[in-house]
Amino acid sequence: QAWRPVLSHDIYARAMGNLVDTIFSLYLDQVLSAYDISEPAGNFIGALFRNATRSMSELFDEDVTGSAGASASSAGELTATKIARAGSYGEKFDAVGKFMFMSLTDINAGLGDGTFKSVTGQELSKLIVAAFDDSQKRADTLRLLSAADK
């Protein structure tokens, strides 16, 4: 945030958005290419993603003095606007972070409410295979995803 007083608001937002986008893409590449994600690893990844998202949100907090129209209560609060400022990977990063704390039932519900709209069916299928043991419920979820891709 040391750059905030030096750069114009638009330049600062663009620079931080590019930085966050790069970091998010590096994290996502590692997680989306994993073949096996144990429950403790999933919890760690979820916490890491949540902390990174919270830190990203703080980068885009407006000056709490009120000059930019923000209130102190919005500091650190994640909003759709802040996710959008994070660049092309913000929504996907948020969705994958949430995925790590979900059960297959939660994931099925998330498919209907748009939680995973930024994640491709192939990426989500790969995450499900990596994070959940082979079961009928996992097979049903994967079948639902493949039907949605058609």
Protein backbone atom coordinates (compact mmCIF):
# COMPACT_ATOMS: atom_id res chain seq x y z
CA GLN A 1 0.00 0.00 0.00
CA ALA A 2 3.06 2.25 -0.01
CA TRP A 3 2.35 2.98 -3.66
CA ARG A 4 -1.16 4.27 -2.99
CA PRO A 5 -0.15 7.92 -2.34
CA VAL A 6 2.29 7.91 -5.27
CA LEU A 7 0.11 6.44 -8.02
CA SER A 8 -3.23 7.62 -9.30
CA HIS A 9 -6.20 5.52 -8.20
CA ASP A 10 -6.59 3.88 -11.63
CA ILE A 11 -2.88 3.10 -12.04
CA TYR A 12 -2.67 1.71 -8.51
CA ALA A 13 -5.73 -0.49 -9.10
CA ARG A 14 -4.34 -1.76 -12.41
CA ALA A 15 -0.86 -2.44 -10.97
CA MET A 16 -2.18 -4.25 -7.90
CA GLY A 17 -4.69 -6.13 -10.06
CA ASN A 18 -1.88 -7.39 -12.29
CA LEU A 19 0.22 -8.38 -9.28
CA VAL A 20 -2.65 -10.22 -7.63
CA ASP A 21 -3.60 -11.88 -10.93
CA THR A 22 -0.06 -13.23 -11.31
CA ILE A 23 0.03 -14.60 -7.76
CA PHE A 24 -3.43 -16.14 -8.06
CA SER A 25 -2.52 -17.82 -11.36
CA LEU A 26 0.59 -19.38 -9.80
CA TYR A 27 -1.42 -20.78 -6.88
CA LEU A 28 -4.22 -22.00 -9.14
CA ASP A 29 -1.81 -23.74 -11.54
CA GLN A 30 -0.41 -25.78 -8.66
CA VAL A 31 -3.78 -26.72 -7.16
CA LEU A 32 -5.53 -27.45 -10.46
CA SER A 33 -2.69 -29.75 -11.56
CA ALA A 34 -2.72 -31.80 -8.32
CA TYR A 35 -3.60 -35.48 -8.65
CA ASP A 36 -4.32 -36.07 -4.99
CA ILE A 37 -5.41 -33.59 -2.32
CA SER A 38 -5.74 -35.04 1.18
CA GLU A 39 -8.24 -33.55 3.60
CA PRO A 40 -5.52 -31.81 5.68
CA ALA A 41 -3.95 -30.48 2.47
CA GLY A 42 -7.36 -29.26 1.28
CA ASN A 43 -7.91 -27.46 4.58
CA PHE A 44 -4.46 -25.88 4.31
CA ILE A 45 -5.08 -24.81 0.71
CA GLY A 46 -8.49 -23.42 1.62
CA ALA A 47 -7.03 -21.41 4.51
CA LEU A 48 -4.17 -20.20 2.32
CA PHE A 49 -6.59 -19.10 -0.40
CA ARG A 50 -8.88 -17.42 2.14
CA ASN A 51 -5.96 -15.50 3.66
CA ALA A 52 -4.66 -14.52 0.22
CA THR A 53 -8.14 -13.35 -0.78
CA ARG A 54 -8.46 -11.33 2.43
CA SER A 55 -5.03 -9.76 1.85
CA MET A 56 -5.99 -8.97 -1.73
CA SER A 57 -9.15 -7.35 -0.47
CA GLU A 58 -7.12 -5.10 1.82
CA LEU A 59 -5.04 -3.94 -1.16
CA PHE A 60 -8.20 -2.53 -2.69
CA ASP A 61 -9.61 -0.98 0.48
CA GLU A 62 -10.21 2.70 0.00
CA ASP A 63 -8.56 5.28 2.23
CA VAL A 64 -10.40 5.00 5.56
CA THR A 65 -10.28 8.78 6.03
CA GLY A 66 -13.34 8.95 3.81
CA SER A 67 -11.71 10.72 0.87
CA ALA A 68 -12.56 7.81 -1.39
CA GLY A 69 -15.98 7.19 0.11
CA ALA A 70 -15.19 4.04 2.09
CA SER A 71 -16.07 3.37 5.67
CA ALA A 72 -13.76 1.73 8.16
CA SER A 73 -16.24 -1.16 8.43
CA SER A 74 -15.54 -2.14 4.80
CA ALA A 75 -11.82 -2.58 5.45
CA GLY A 76 -10.80 -6.13 4.54
CA GLU A 77 -14.33 -7.02 3.41
CA LEU A 78 -14.42 -9.06 0.22
CA THR A 79 -16.78 -7.69 -2.40
CA ALA A 80 -17.51 -8.56 -6.02
CA THR A 81 -15.88 -5.26 -7.03
CA LYS A 82 -12.66 -6.17 -5.24
CA ILE A 83 -12.66 -9.64 -6.80
CA ALA A 84 -13.12 -8.06 -10.23
CA ARG A 85 -10.20 -5.71 -9.57
CA ALA A 86 -8.02 -8.73 -8.83
CA GLY A 87 -7.98 -9.54 -12.52
CA SER A 88 -9.10 -12.54 -14.49
CA TYR A 89 -8.29 -15.08 -11.77
CA GLY A 90 -10.06 -13.42 -8.81
CA GLU A 91 -13.39 -15.25 -9.11
CA LYS A 92 -11.78 -18.60 -9.88
CA PHE A 93 -9.39 -18.22 -6.94
CA ASP A 94 -12.29 -17.45 -4.61
CA ALA A 95 -14.31 -20.42 -5.93
CA VAL A 96 -11.42 -22.90 -5.59
CA GLY A 97 -10.74 -21.63 -2.07
CA LYS A 98 -14.38 -22.24 -1.13
CA PHE A 99 -14.30 -25.67 -2.81
CA MET A 100 -11.62 -26.83 -0.36
CA PHE A 101 -14.05 -26.56 2.55
CA MET A 102 -17.04 -28.14 0.76
CA SER A 103 -18.55 -31.59 0.81
CA LEU A 104 -19.85 -33.18 -2.39
CA THR A 105 -23.36 -32.12 -1.32
CA ASP A 106 -22.15 -28.52 -0.97
CA ILE A 107 -20.47 -28.72 -4.37
CA ASN A 108 -23.69 -29.97 -6.00
CA ALA A 109 -25.54 -27.03 -4.44
CA GLY A 110 -22.77 -24.67 -5.59
CA LEU A 111 -23.22 -25.86 -9.15
CA GLY A 112 -26.79 -24.59 -9.06
CA ASP A 113 -26.10 -21.25 -7.39
CA GLY A 114 -23.21 -20.14 -9.59
CA THR A 115 -20.40 -20.59 -7.06
CA PHE A 116 -18.26 -22.27 -9.73
CA LYS A 117 -19.21 -20.17 -12.77
CA SER A 118 -15.57 -19.14 -13.26
CA VAL A 119 -14.23 -22.72 -13.04
CA THR A 120 -14.50 -24.96 -16.10
CA GLY A 121 -16.22 -28.32 -15.82
CA GLN A 122 -12.93 -30.05 -16.58
CA GLU A 123 -11.11 -28.14 -13.83
CA LEU A 124 -13.86 -28.82 -11.32
CA SER A 125 -13.95 -32.52 -12.27
CA LYS A 126 -10.20 -32.77 -11.76
CA LEU A 127 -10.47 -31.10 -8.34
CA ILE A 128 -13.26 -33.48 -7.32
CA VAL A 129 -11.23 -36.52 -8.36
CA ALA A 130 -8.16 -35.19 -6.50
CA ALA A 131 -10.00 -34.22 -3.31
CA PHE A 132 -12.60 -36.97 -2.84
CA ASP A 133 -12.32 -40.73 -2.56
CA ASP A 134 -13.95 -42.85 -5.23
CA SER A 135 -17.61 -43.27 -4.28
CA GLN A 136 -21.05 -43.36 -5.85
CA LYS A 137 -21.66 -39.78 -4.73
CA ARG A 138 -18.43 -38.63 -6.41
CA ALA A 139 -19.40 -40.52 -9.59
CA ASP A 140 -22.84 -38.88 -9.53
CA THR A 141 -21.31 -35.42 -9.17
CA LEU A 142 -18.86 -36.08 -12.02
CA ARG A 143 -21.73 -37.36 -14.18
CA LEU A 144 -23.69 -34.20 -13.41
CA LEU A 145 -20.69 -32.08 -14.43
CA SER A 146 -20.14 -33.97 -17.67
CA ALA A 147 -23.83 -33.62 -18.56
CA ALA A 148 -23.63 -29.87 -17.92
CA ASP A 149 -20.61 -29.58 -20.27
CA LYS A 150 -22.55 -31.08 -23.18
